[in-house]
Amino acid sequence: MAGGHWFVLQSIAWGRMFVTFARHDSLAMALIETFDGRHPCRLCVQIQEGRQQEAQKSEKLPWDKPEKMPELFCEARRVALPPASTSLAVAPPVRLDFFYHFVESPPKPPPRAGVAVL
């Protein structure tokens, strides 16, 4: 997820902090206290710990960085395919006999608009 989940959680934490600080101070002061880093909430602390744990795990994985990519991919080799047929193959004609029983012929004589039938 490339850290997107941490951004979403941090945004939620900042929103909650701003609302909490705005109840006691002005909006400007609440905004300053929210983003100054000196007044973290419990969620901010948990997010920071989670980011650090994730960073420690990613340092242990050798394939997390492109320069340490494991040799999982085989060397691409050319595959020889048989040549395509040059003769013109004639396909059998398509018969639609099984659809004929669905088709109804038009009524005879054709109906005429505006003529009332009694």
Protein backbone atom coordinates (compact mmCIF):
# COMPACT_ATOMS: atom_id res chain seq x y z
CA MET A 1 0.00 0.00 0.00
CA ALA A 2 3.08 2.21 0.01
CA GLY A 3 2.21 3.92 3.31
CA GLY A 4 -1.25 5.11 2.29
CA HIS A 5 -2.86 3.47 5.29
CA TRP A 6 -0.60 5.46 7.62
CA PHE A 7 -1.58 8.71 5.86
CA VAL A 8 -5.29 7.92 6.29
CA LEU A 9 -4.87 7.04 9.96
CA GLN A 10 -2.75 10.14 10.60
CA SER A 11 -5.35 12.35 8.90
CA ILE A 12 -8.04 10.91 11.14
CA ALA A 13 -5.86 11.52 14.20
CA TRP A 14 -5.17 15.11 13.17
CA GLY A 15 -8.89 15.73 12.63
CA ARG A 16 -9.75 14.39 16.05
CA MET A 17 -6.95 16.39 17.67
CA PHE A 18 -8.07 19.59 15.97
CA VAL A 19 -11.65 19.13 17.18
CA THR A 20 -10.46 18.37 20.73
CA PHE A 21 -8.12 21.37 20.87
CA ALA A 22 -10.73 23.68 19.29
CA ARG A 23 -13.12 23.00 22.17
CA HIS A 24 -10.73 24.68 24.60
CA ASP A 25 -8.80 27.21 22.48
CA SER A 26 -9.25 29.34 19.39
CA LEU A 27 -9.17 27.74 15.94
CA ALA A 28 -5.74 29.19 15.22
CA MET A 29 -4.33 27.86 18.48
CA ALA A 30 -5.97 24.46 17.89
CA LEU A 31 -4.37 24.30 14.44
CA ILE A 32 -0.94 25.15 15.87
CA GLU A 33 -1.24 22.57 18.67
CA THR A 34 -2.42 19.90 16.23
CA PHE A 35 0.59 20.18 13.91
CA ASP A 36 3.43 21.32 16.20
CA GLY A 37 4.38 17.76 17.20
CA ARG A 38 4.55 18.56 20.91
CA HIS A 39 0.95 17.48 21.67
CA PRO A 40 0.52 13.99 20.14
CA CYS A 41 -2.58 11.99 20.91
CA ARG A 42 -2.62 8.25 21.67
CA LEU A 43 -3.44 7.45 18.04
CA CYS A 44 -0.48 9.53 16.83
CA VAL A 45 1.83 7.63 19.15
CA GLN A 46 0.48 4.27 17.93
CA ILE A 47 0.86 5.37 14.30
CA GLN A 48 4.46 6.39 14.92
CA GLU A 49 5.20 3.04 16.57
CA GLY A 50 3.55 1.18 13.69
CA ARG A 51 5.60 3.08 11.12
CA GLN A 52 8.80 2.28 13.00
CA GLN A 53 7.94 -1.42 13.24
CA GLU A 54 7.12 -1.51 9.54
CA ALA A 55 10.42 0.20 8.71
CA GLN A 56 12.33 -2.32 10.82
CA LYS A 57 10.61 -5.23 9.06
CA SER A 58 11.29 -3.78 5.62
CA GLU A 59 15.01 -3.42 6.46
CA LYS A 60 15.15 -7.13 7.22
CA LEU A 61 13.60 -8.13 3.88
CA PRO A 62 16.29 -8.17 1.21
CA TRP A 63 13.91 -7.81 -1.74
CA ASP A 64 12.18 -4.68 -0.48
CA LYS A 65 14.73 -2.49 -2.24
CA PRO A 66 15.36 -2.81 -5.99
CA GLU A 67 19.14 -3.09 -5.55
CA LYS A 68 18.56 -6.12 -3.30
CA MET A 69 15.99 -7.80 -5.56
CA PRO A 70 16.25 -11.60 -5.38
CA GLU A 71 16.86 -13.60 -8.50
CA LEU A 72 13.27 -14.73 -8.88
CA PHE A 73 12.91 -13.92 -12.54
CA CYS A 74 14.29 -16.26 -15.14
CA GLU A 75 16.21 -14.97 -18.07
CA ALA A 76 13.91 -14.26 -20.98
CA ARG A 77 14.57 -16.65 -23.81
CA ARG A 78 13.30 -16.69 -27.32
CA VAL A 79 10.67 -19.29 -27.98
CA ALA A 80 10.53 -20.86 -31.41
CA LEU A 81 6.98 -21.20 -32.65
CA PRO A 82 6.02 -23.20 -35.69
CA PRO A 83 5.42 -21.01 -38.75
CA ALA A 84 1.87 -20.04 -39.55
CA SER A 85 0.11 -22.04 -42.20
CA THR A 86 0.25 -20.44 -45.63
CA SER A 87 -2.53 -22.53 -47.16
CA LEU A 88 -6.00 -21.06 -47.24
CA ALA A 89 -8.17 -23.22 -45.10
CA VAL A 90 -11.77 -23.19 -46.22
CA ALA A 91 -14.15 -23.17 -43.32
CA PRO A 92 -17.37 -25.10 -43.72
CA PRO A 93 -20.38 -22.89 -44.38
CA VAL A 94 -22.40 -21.95 -41.32
CA ARG A 95 -25.86 -23.41 -41.34
CA LEU A 96 -28.50 -21.74 -39.26
CA ASP A 97 -31.13 -24.46 -39.57
CA PHE A 98 -31.67 -24.59 -35.84
CA PHE A 99 -32.82 -20.94 -35.80
CA TYR A 100 -35.55 -21.33 -38.40
CA HIS A 101 -38.19 -22.55 -35.97
CA PHE A 102 -37.81 -19.30 -33.99
CA VAL A 103 -38.56 -17.09 -36.97
CA GLU A 104 -42.22 -16.42 -37.71
CA SER A 105 -43.36 -15.27 -41.09
CA PRO A 106 -45.29 -12.00 -41.23
CA PRO A 107 -49.07 -12.25 -41.03
CA LYS A 108 -50.92 -12.52 -44.36
CA PRO A 109 -52.36 -10.17 -45.44
CA PRO A 110 -50.28 -7.52 -43.71
CA PRO A 111 -52.19 -5.37 -41.23
CA ARG A 112 -53.26 -1.96 -42.39
CA ALA A 113 -53.03 1.07 -40.18
CA GLY A 114 -56.26 2.90 -39.40
CA VAL A 115 -58.61 0.14 -40.55
CA ALA A 116 -60.87 -1.22 -37.86
CA VAL A 117 -61.53 -4.91 -38.01
CA LEU A 118 -64.92 -6.05 -36.79
